[in-house]
Protein backbone atom coordinates (compact mmCIF):
# COMPACT_ATOMS: atom_id res chain seq x y z
CA UNK A 1 14.84 -15.59 -27.43
CA UNK A 2 18.25 -14.69 -27.56
CA UNK A 3 20.45 -17.61 -26.45
CA UNK A 4 21.41 -19.08 -29.41
CA UNK A 5 20.09 -22.72 -29.87
CA UNK A 6 16.90 -20.90 -29.08
CA UNK A 7 15.07 -23.46 -31.56
CA UNK A 8 11.92 -22.61 -33.15
CA UNK A 9 10.31 -26.42 -33.50
CA UNK A 10 10.44 -29.32 -30.18
CA UNK A 11 13.54 -31.34 -31.16
CA UNK A 12 13.47 -35.37 -30.52
CA UNK A 13 15.32 -35.65 -26.61
CA UNK A 14 13.54 -36.32 -23.11
CA UNK A 15 15.76 -35.66 -20.50
CA UNK A 16 15.66 -35.38 -16.94
CA UNK A 17 16.97 -33.50 -14.20
CA UNK A 18 19.23 -33.63 -10.86
CA UNK A 19 17.05 -32.04 -8.06
CA UNK A 20 14.50 -29.64 -7.28
CA UNK A 21 15.58 -26.78 -9.02
CA UNK A 22 17.68 -26.11 -12.40
CA UNK A 23 20.32 -25.38 -12.19
CA UNK A 24 22.38 -22.89 -14.86
CA UNK A 25 24.29 -25.71 -16.89
CA UNK A 26 19.90 -27.77 -17.14
CA UNK A 27 18.69 -24.56 -18.10
CA UNK A 28 21.08 -23.85 -20.97
CA UNK A 29 20.76 -27.69 -21.81
CA UNK A 30 17.04 -27.19 -21.93
CA UNK A 31 17.65 -24.54 -24.29
CA UNK A 32 19.21 -26.47 -27.00
CA UNK A 33 17.28 -27.27 -30.41
CA UNK A 34 17.52 -31.39 -30.11
CA UNK A 35 15.23 -31.46 -26.89
CA UNK A 36 11.74 -30.81 -26.72
CA UNK A 37 10.58 -32.86 -22.97
CA UNK A 38 12.03 -32.99 -19.74
CA UNK A 39 10.84 -36.01 -17.97
CA UNK A 40 10.75 -35.63 -13.86
CA UNK A 41 11.53 -38.18 -10.81
CA UNK A 42 11.30 -38.34 -6.99
CA UNK A 43 14.17 -36.28 -6.98
CA UNK A 44 12.29 -33.04 -8.19
CA UNK A 45 9.85 -33.40 -5.75
CA UNK A 46 9.78 -31.36 -2.39
CA UNK A 47 6.39 -30.18 -2.31
CA UNK A 48 4.17 -29.34 -5.02
CA UNK A 49 4.59 -24.88 -5.08
CA UNK A 50 8.11 -26.42 -5.50
CA UNK A 51 6.57 -29.07 -8.52
CA UNK A 52 5.36 -25.88 -9.30
CA UNK A 53 7.81 -23.54 -9.37
CA UNK A 54 10.21 -25.97 -11.40
CA UNK A 55 7.70 -27.05 -13.77
CA UNK A 56 7.60 -22.50 -13.70
CA UNK A 57 10.91 -22.61 -14.78
CA UNK A 58 10.91 -25.60 -17.80
CA UNK A 59 8.56 -23.60 -18.75
CA UNK A 60 9.97 -19.84 -19.45
CA UNK A 61 12.76 -21.43 -21.31
CA UNK A 62 11.15 -21.39 -25.00
CA UNK A 63 8.61 -21.13 -27.25
CA UNK A 64 7.15 -23.30 -28.23
CA UNK A 65 7.30 -24.13 -24.48
CA UNK A 66 8.75 -28.24 -23.74
CA UNK A 67 6.85 -30.45 -22.65
CA UNK A 68 6.55 -31.62 -18.88
CA UNK A 69 5.93 -35.94 -18.08
CA UNK A 70 6.65 -38.43 -15.65
CA UNK A 71 5.85 -41.29 -14.44
CA UNK A 72 2.61 -41.89 -11.85
CA UNK A 73 0.61 -44.94 -12.71
CA UNK A 74 0.05 -45.75 -9.24
CA UNK A 75 1.05 -48.27 -6.72
CA UNK A 76 5.20 -48.19 -6.78
CA UNK A 77 5.20 -46.00 -9.91
CA UNK A 78 3.99 -42.32 -8.70
CA UNK A 79 7.29 -40.23 -8.39
CA UNK A 80 5.04 -37.46 -6.05
CA UNK A 81 3.82 -38.67 -2.88
CA UNK A 82 3.37 -36.53 -1.06
CA UNK A 83 0.12 -33.77 -1.22
CA UNK A 84 -0.72 -35.53 -3.04
CA UNK A 85 -3.21 -38.16 -3.48
CA UNK A 86 -2.22 -41.87 -3.46
CA UNK A 87 -2.73 -44.05 -6.38
CA UNK A 88 -3.22 -47.91 -5.93
CA UNK A 89 -2.03 -50.01 -8.01
CA UNK A 90 -3.64 -50.40 -11.68
CA UNK A 91 -4.38 -54.51 -10.52
CA UNK A 92 -6.13 -53.15 -7.94
CA UNK A 93 -8.75 -52.04 -10.31
CA UNK A 94 -8.64 -55.79 -11.88
CA UNK A 95 -9.22 -57.50 -8.69
CA UNK A 96 -12.13 -55.30 -9.55
CA UNK A 97 -12.90 -55.81 -12.13
CA UNK A 98 -14.04 -59.47 -11.49
CA UNK A 99 -15.89 -58.19 -8.78
CA UNK A 100 -18.13 -55.17 -10.34
CA UNK A 101 -17.36 -54.37 -13.87
CA UNK A 102 -19.14 -51.31 -13.97
CA UNK A 103 -17.56 -50.50 -10.75
CA UNK A 104 -14.15 -51.70 -11.36
CA UNK A 105 -14.91 -48.62 -14.70
CA UNK A 106 -16.06 -45.41 -12.79
CA UNK A 107 -13.23 -46.32 -9.92
CA UNK A 108 -11.37 -46.07 -13.08
CA UNK A 109 -12.14 -43.06 -14.75
CA UNK A 110 -12.59 -41.33 -11.07
CA UNK A 111 -8.27 -42.63 -10.08
CA UNK A 112 -7.06 -40.81 -13.61
CA UNK A 113 -9.36 -37.62 -13.30
CA UNK A 114 -7.79 -37.04 -10.18
CA UNK A 115 -3.90 -38.38 -10.56
CA UNK A 116 -4.46 -36.20 -13.95
CA UNK A 117 -6.04 -33.00 -12.63
CA UNK A 118 -3.07 -33.00 -9.50
CA UNK A 119 -0.33 -33.01 -12.10
CA UNK A 120 -1.62 -30.36 -14.43
CA UNK A 121 -1.63 -27.89 -11.53
CA UNK A 122 1.61 -28.50 -11.13
CA UNK A 123 2.63 -28.36 -14.18
CA UNK A 124 3.48 -31.41 -16.12
CA UNK A 125 2.03 -32.35 -18.68
CA UNK A 126 1.37 -35.91 -18.98
CA UNK A 127 2.08 -38.90 -17.07
CA UNK A 128 3.14 -42.69 -18.79
CA UNK A 129 0.16 -44.05 -18.37
CA UNK A 130 -1.71 -46.60 -18.40
CA UNK A 131 0.09 -49.72 -18.55
CA UNK A 132 -1.22 -52.19 -21.32
CA UNK A 133 0.66 -55.31 -20.87
CA UNK A 134 -1.21 -57.85 -20.63
CA UNK A 135 0.32 -60.42 -17.28
CA UNK A 136 0.91 -63.84 -17.19
CA UNK A 137 2.87 -63.83 -14.20
CA UNK A 138 6.09 -63.77 -15.93
CA UNK A 139 7.14 -60.29 -14.57
CA UNK A 140 8.47 -58.78 -11.58
CA UNK A 141 9.21 -55.18 -13.16
CA UNK A 142 5.62 -54.78 -13.98
CA UNK A 143 3.61 -57.54 -12.15
CA UNK A 144 0.45 -55.38 -10.04
CA UNK A 145 1.46 -52.44 -12.33
CA UNK A 146 -0.44 -54.43 -14.98
CA UNK A 147 -4.20 -54.51 -14.62
CA UNK A 148 -5.15 -57.90 -15.65
CA UNK A 149 -4.20 -61.66 -16.96
CA UNK A 150 -7.51 -60.59 -19.49
CA UNK A 151 -6.68 -58.29 -22.71
CA UNK A 152 -10.10 -57.44 -23.19
CA UNK A 153 -10.31 -56.05 -19.32
CA UNK A 154 -7.34 -54.56 -19.33
CA UNK A 155 -8.48 -52.32 -22.46
CA UNK A 156 -12.44 -51.79 -21.18
CA UNK A 157 -9.74 -50.60 -17.51
CA UNK A 158 -7.94 -48.38 -20.08
CA UNK A 159 -10.29 -47.16 -22.17
CA UNK A 160 -11.60 -45.49 -18.64
CA UNK A 161 -8.20 -44.96 -17.81
CA UNK A 162 -7.66 -42.97 -20.78
CA UNK A 163 -11.36 -40.92 -20.20
CA UNK A 164 -10.31 -39.64 -17.00
CA UNK A 165 -7.25 -38.39 -17.98
CA UNK A 166 -8.77 -36.73 -20.94
CA UNK A 167 -12.30 -35.11 -18.86
CA UNK A 168 -9.32 -33.14 -17.13
CA UNK A 169 -6.96 -32.11 -20.21
CA UNK A 170 -4.19 -34.50 -19.87
CA UNK A 171 -3.08 -36.75 -22.99
CA UNK A 172 -2.33 -40.69 -22.74
CA UNK A 173 0.43 -42.39 -23.15
CA UNK A 174 -0.01 -47.11 -23.82
CA UNK A 175 2.65 -48.51 -22.44
CA UNK A 176 5.08 -50.81 -22.96
CA UNK A 177 4.73 -52.02 -27.39
CA UNK A 178 3.75 -55.34 -28.19
CA UNK A 179 3.69 -56.30 -24.84
CA UNK A 180 6.66 -56.63 -21.72
CA UNK A 181 4.15 -59.07 -18.85
CA UNK A 182 5.16 -62.78 -20.85
CA UNK A 183 8.92 -62.30 -20.22
CA UNK A 184 10.76 -62.86 -16.63
CA UNK A 185 14.07 -60.58 -17.50
CA UNK A 186 13.11 -56.55 -16.12
CA UNK A 187 14.68 -54.84 -19.58
CA UNK A 188 15.92 -52.06 -17.48
CA UNK A 189 19.26 -55.02 -16.12
CA UNK A 190 18.76 -57.17 -19.09
CA UNK A 191 17.89 -57.60 -22.77
CA UNK A 192 14.94 -59.55 -22.06
CA UNK A 193 13.44 -62.04 -25.62
CA UNK A 194 9.43 -63.01 -26.26
CA UNK A 195 9.95 -66.05 -28.46
CA UNK A 196 6.57 -66.41 -28.59
CA UNK A 197 4.82 -66.34 -32.29
CA UNK A 198 3.20 -63.05 -34.09
CA UNK A 199 -0.22 -64.87 -33.82
CA UNK A 200 0.44 -65.46 -30.51
CA UNK A 201 1.34 -62.25 -29.51
CA UNK A 202 -1.63 -60.05 -32.12
CA UNK A 203 -4.65 -62.68 -29.92
CA UNK A 204 -2.99 -61.41 -26.71
CA UNK A 205 -0.97 -58.33 -26.53
CA UNK A 206 -1.91 -56.97 -28.61
CA UNK A 207 -5.97 -57.31 -27.87
CA UNK A 208 -6.10 -53.38 -25.63
CA UNK A 209 -4.03 -51.26 -28.26
CA UNK A 210 -5.85 -52.51 -31.29
CA UNK A 211 -8.68 -51.72 -29.23
CA UNK A 212 -7.38 -47.95 -27.85
CA UNK A 213 -6.02 -46.91 -30.72
CA UNK A 214 -9.45 -44.55 -32.25
CA UNK A 215 -10.79 -43.87 -29.08
CA UNK A 216 -8.37 -41.78 -27.20
CA UNK A 217 -5.09 -43.35 -27.09
CA UNK A 218 -1.96 -40.28 -27.48
CA UNK A 219 0.85 -42.00 -27.35
CA UNK A 220 3.03 -45.39 -27.75
CA UNK A 221 6.21 -46.74 -25.92
CA UNK A 222 7.15 -49.57 -26.99
CA UNK A 223 9.56 -53.25 -24.91
CA UNK A 224 12.95 -52.98 -25.01
CA UNK A 225 11.73 -56.06 -25.32
CA UNK A 226 12.73 -58.76 -28.73
CA UNK A 227 10.64 -61.11 -30.40
CA UNK A 228 12.86 -63.05 -33.30
CA UNK A 229 9.60 -64.57 -34.31
CA UNK A 230 9.09 -61.11 -35.57
CA UNK A 231 11.66 -58.88 -35.70
CA UNK A 232 15.74 -59.94 -34.95
CA UNK A 233 15.43 -55.76 -33.33
CA UNK A 234 13.31 -54.32 -29.71
CA UNK A 235 10.32 -53.31 -30.94
CA UNK A 236 11.88 -49.74 -29.77
CA UNK A 237 13.51 -50.54 -32.52
CA UNK A 238 11.94 -52.42 -35.73
CA UNK A 239 11.01 -50.85 -38.29
CA UNK A 240 8.71 -53.89 -38.59
CA UNK A 241 6.49 -52.96 -34.86
CA UNK A 242 6.80 -49.47 -34.87
CA UNK A 243 6.06 -48.67 -38.60
CA UNK A 244 4.72 -52.10 -40.10
CA UNK A 245 2.92 -53.59 -38.23
CA UNK A 246 1.82 -49.71 -35.56
CA UNK A 247 1.30 -47.78 -37.68
CA UNK A 248 0.65 -49.61 -41.01
CA UNK A 249 -1.35 -52.34 -38.90
CA UNK A 250 -2.91 -50.63 -36.17
CA UNK A 251 -3.27 -47.90 -37.88
CA UNK A 252 -2.15 -45.91 -35.23
CA UNK A 253 -0.45 -41.46 -36.16
CA UNK A 254 0.07 -40.44 -32.02
CA UNK A 255 2.94 -39.41 -30.66
CA UNK A 256 5.62 -42.33 -30.34
CA UNK A 257 8.01 -42.48 -27.66
CA UNK A 258 11.07 -44.51 -26.47
CA UNK A 259 12.14 -46.07 -23.32
CA UNK A 260 15.40 -45.09 -21.87
CA UNK A 261 17.96 -45.05 -23.49
CA UNK A 262 19.92 -45.91 -20.72
CA UNK A 263 17.88 -49.56 -19.67
CA UNK A 264 20.44 -52.50 -20.78
CA UNK A 265 17.79 -53.79 -23.26
CA UNK A 266 18.39 -50.82 -25.41
CA UNK A 267 22.22 -51.98 -25.24
CA UNK A 268 22.02 -54.41 -28.14
CA UNK A 269 21.88 -50.87 -30.80
CA UNK A 270 25.00 -50.03 -29.52
CA UNK A 271 26.44 -46.54 -27.86
CA UNK A 272 23.99 -44.18 -26.83
CA UNK A 273 23.77 -41.73 -29.67
CA UNK A 274 23.25 -44.86 -31.89
CA UNK A 275 20.65 -45.89 -30.15
CA UNK A 276 18.27 -42.52 -29.98
CA UNK A 277 19.34 -42.52 -34.54
CA UNK A 278 17.93 -46.42 -34.16
CA UNK A 279 14.66 -44.73 -32.19
CA UNK A 280 13.64 -42.53 -34.57
CA UNK A 281 15.37 -44.37 -38.11
CA UNK A 282 12.55 -46.96 -36.03
CA UNK A 283 9.54 -44.45 -36.15
CA UNK A 284 10.36 -42.94 -32.85
CA UNK A 285 9.20 -39.29 -32.74
CA UNK A 286 11.09 -38.88 -29.59
CA UNK A 287 14.14 -40.77 -27.53
CA UNK A 288 14.33 -40.65 -23.59
CA UNK A 289 17.57 -40.77 -22.28
CA UNK A 290 17.53 -40.65 -18.39
CA UNK A 291 19.73 -41.06 -15.55
CA UNK A 292 22.85 -41.03 -17.21
CA UNK A 293 23.92 -37.39 -17.00
CA UNK A 294 26.73 -38.24 -18.27
CA UNK A 295 26.04 -39.39 -21.84
CA UNK A 296 23.81 -35.77 -22.37
CA UNK A 297 26.53 -33.91 -24.30
CA UNK A 298 27.18 -36.96 -26.56
CA UNK A 299 23.69 -37.65 -27.48
CA UNK A 300 23.22 -33.60 -28.30
CA UNK A 301 26.32 -33.25 -29.68
CA UNK A 302 25.84 -36.83 -32.33
CA UNK A 303 22.56 -37.05 -32.91
CA UNK A 304 21.39 -35.54 -36.39
CA UNK A 305 18.92 -32.83 -36.23
CA UNK A 306 15.95 -33.02 -36.01
CA UNK A 307 11.99 -32.18 -34.82
CA UNK A 308 9.23 -33.00 -33.65
CA UNK A 309 5.88 -33.93 -35.69
CA UNK A 310 4.13 -30.66 -33.88
CA UNK A 311 1.04 -31.91 -34.17
CA UNK A 312 1.81 -35.05 -32.17
CA UNK A 313 3.73 -33.40 -29.85
CA UNK A 314 1.37 -31.12 -28.75
CA UNK A 315 -1.18 -33.35 -29.16
CA UNK A 316 0.05 -34.20 -25.57
CA UNK A 317 0.47 -30.71 -23.60
CA UNK A 318 -1.97 -30.92 -21.51
CA UNK A 319 -4.79 -27.95 -20.26
CA UNK A 320 -4.53 -25.64 -17.29
CA UNK A 321 -7.39 -25.54 -15.68
CA UNK A 322 -6.00 -25.09 -12.07
CA UNK A 323 -3.06 -23.43 -10.61
CA UNK A 324 -2.06 -25.37 -7.62
CA UNK A 325 -3.59 -28.08 -5.96
CA UNK A 326 -4.55 -25.60 -3.60
CA UNK A 327 -6.44 -24.32 -6.61
CA UNK A 328 -8.88 -27.60 -7.68
CA UNK A 329 -10.79 -27.83 -3.94
CA UNK A 330 -13.34 -25.38 -6.21
CA UNK A 331 -13.40 -27.97 -8.91
CA UNK A 332 -16.81 -29.89 -8.36
CA UNK A 333 -16.07 -32.58 -10.63
CA UNK A 334 -12.48 -33.18 -9.09
CA UNK A 335 -14.51 -33.26 -5.67
CA UNK A 336 -16.27 -36.00 -6.91
CA UNK A 337 -13.42 -38.53 -8.53
CA UNK A 338 -11.68 -37.61 -4.84
CA UNK A 339 -13.89 -39.12 -3.24
CA UNK A 340 -15.10 -41.68 -5.49
CA UNK A 341 -11.28 -42.99 -5.22
CA UNK A 342 -11.23 -42.75 -1.43
CA UNK A 343 -14.27 -44.49 -1.91
CA UNK A 344 -11.95 -47.75 -4.14
CA UNK A 345 -9.09 -46.96 -1.51
CA UNK A 346 -11.51 -47.87 1.15
CA UNK A 347 -12.20 -51.60 -0.10
CA UNK A 348 -9.17 -51.93 -1.17
CA UNK A 349 -7.68 -52.26 3.21
């Protein structure tokens, strides 16, 4: 590659874009050796065809190709809607679980297969999903994004979701480690503090992680929440949470993505460069900076050179089984999963 910023490795930074196509400045930015991925938002989407063209343009910039991600959980967090299947809030699976556990798990697998197949067909590698937070009835920002109030139910439903994602060729990202469901404050707007002891957190919030690590969970995103009984730093900036507990105690070997460094919950670590260094030093493999275009240049100029562990990064790369949503029509498994999603959605009316 002729560009002076070209790199043979993926960098440890994931950035966002302004619109539905790449600008010249964004092409230059994404070729920077510190960049390893792109996260897309609703503002980057117009139609499935436009999305295919945008992801192809991103992929053409470098080798190895940049990772392309999105928050596409379902419900109120589904970035691409027109032309895509509508994914219900994950809480609906929890309600279904209370009526029929086996049927809820089948629905979870179908939902995940549809979600993954459609994103992959449009060139997106993975969604930051599933949400593994326990619903304690406290967090508005989590709310119906949480599957259930019972950790065991979350673990089993998430296992079905992860299996559906994997069957379609997509990695999974469990969030928000160790758990965001017990605090009322929204870490986008404040610095939440969870006063519980480690024993309390371990007996509830960590149960899904314990069950899923070693059974298909590809990546983890920690919370911008402080748990002072464990460490004074938010989990995403805490070597105790990430290196000692997640990697050491729980044995997780996959990718760790920071949550968005522009969130207020990250502000305790300092400016954007300090936040990125703190997250990477604590054990994150890749840091996200979203909705802060004025901070990108400072981050890329101030962050020390580095690369992600390629094995972990490559595990996040999605399969390319179709090109465009129309190419999914002959896929019998996709048709069956769509029918399963439709049946499940009809029960919600």
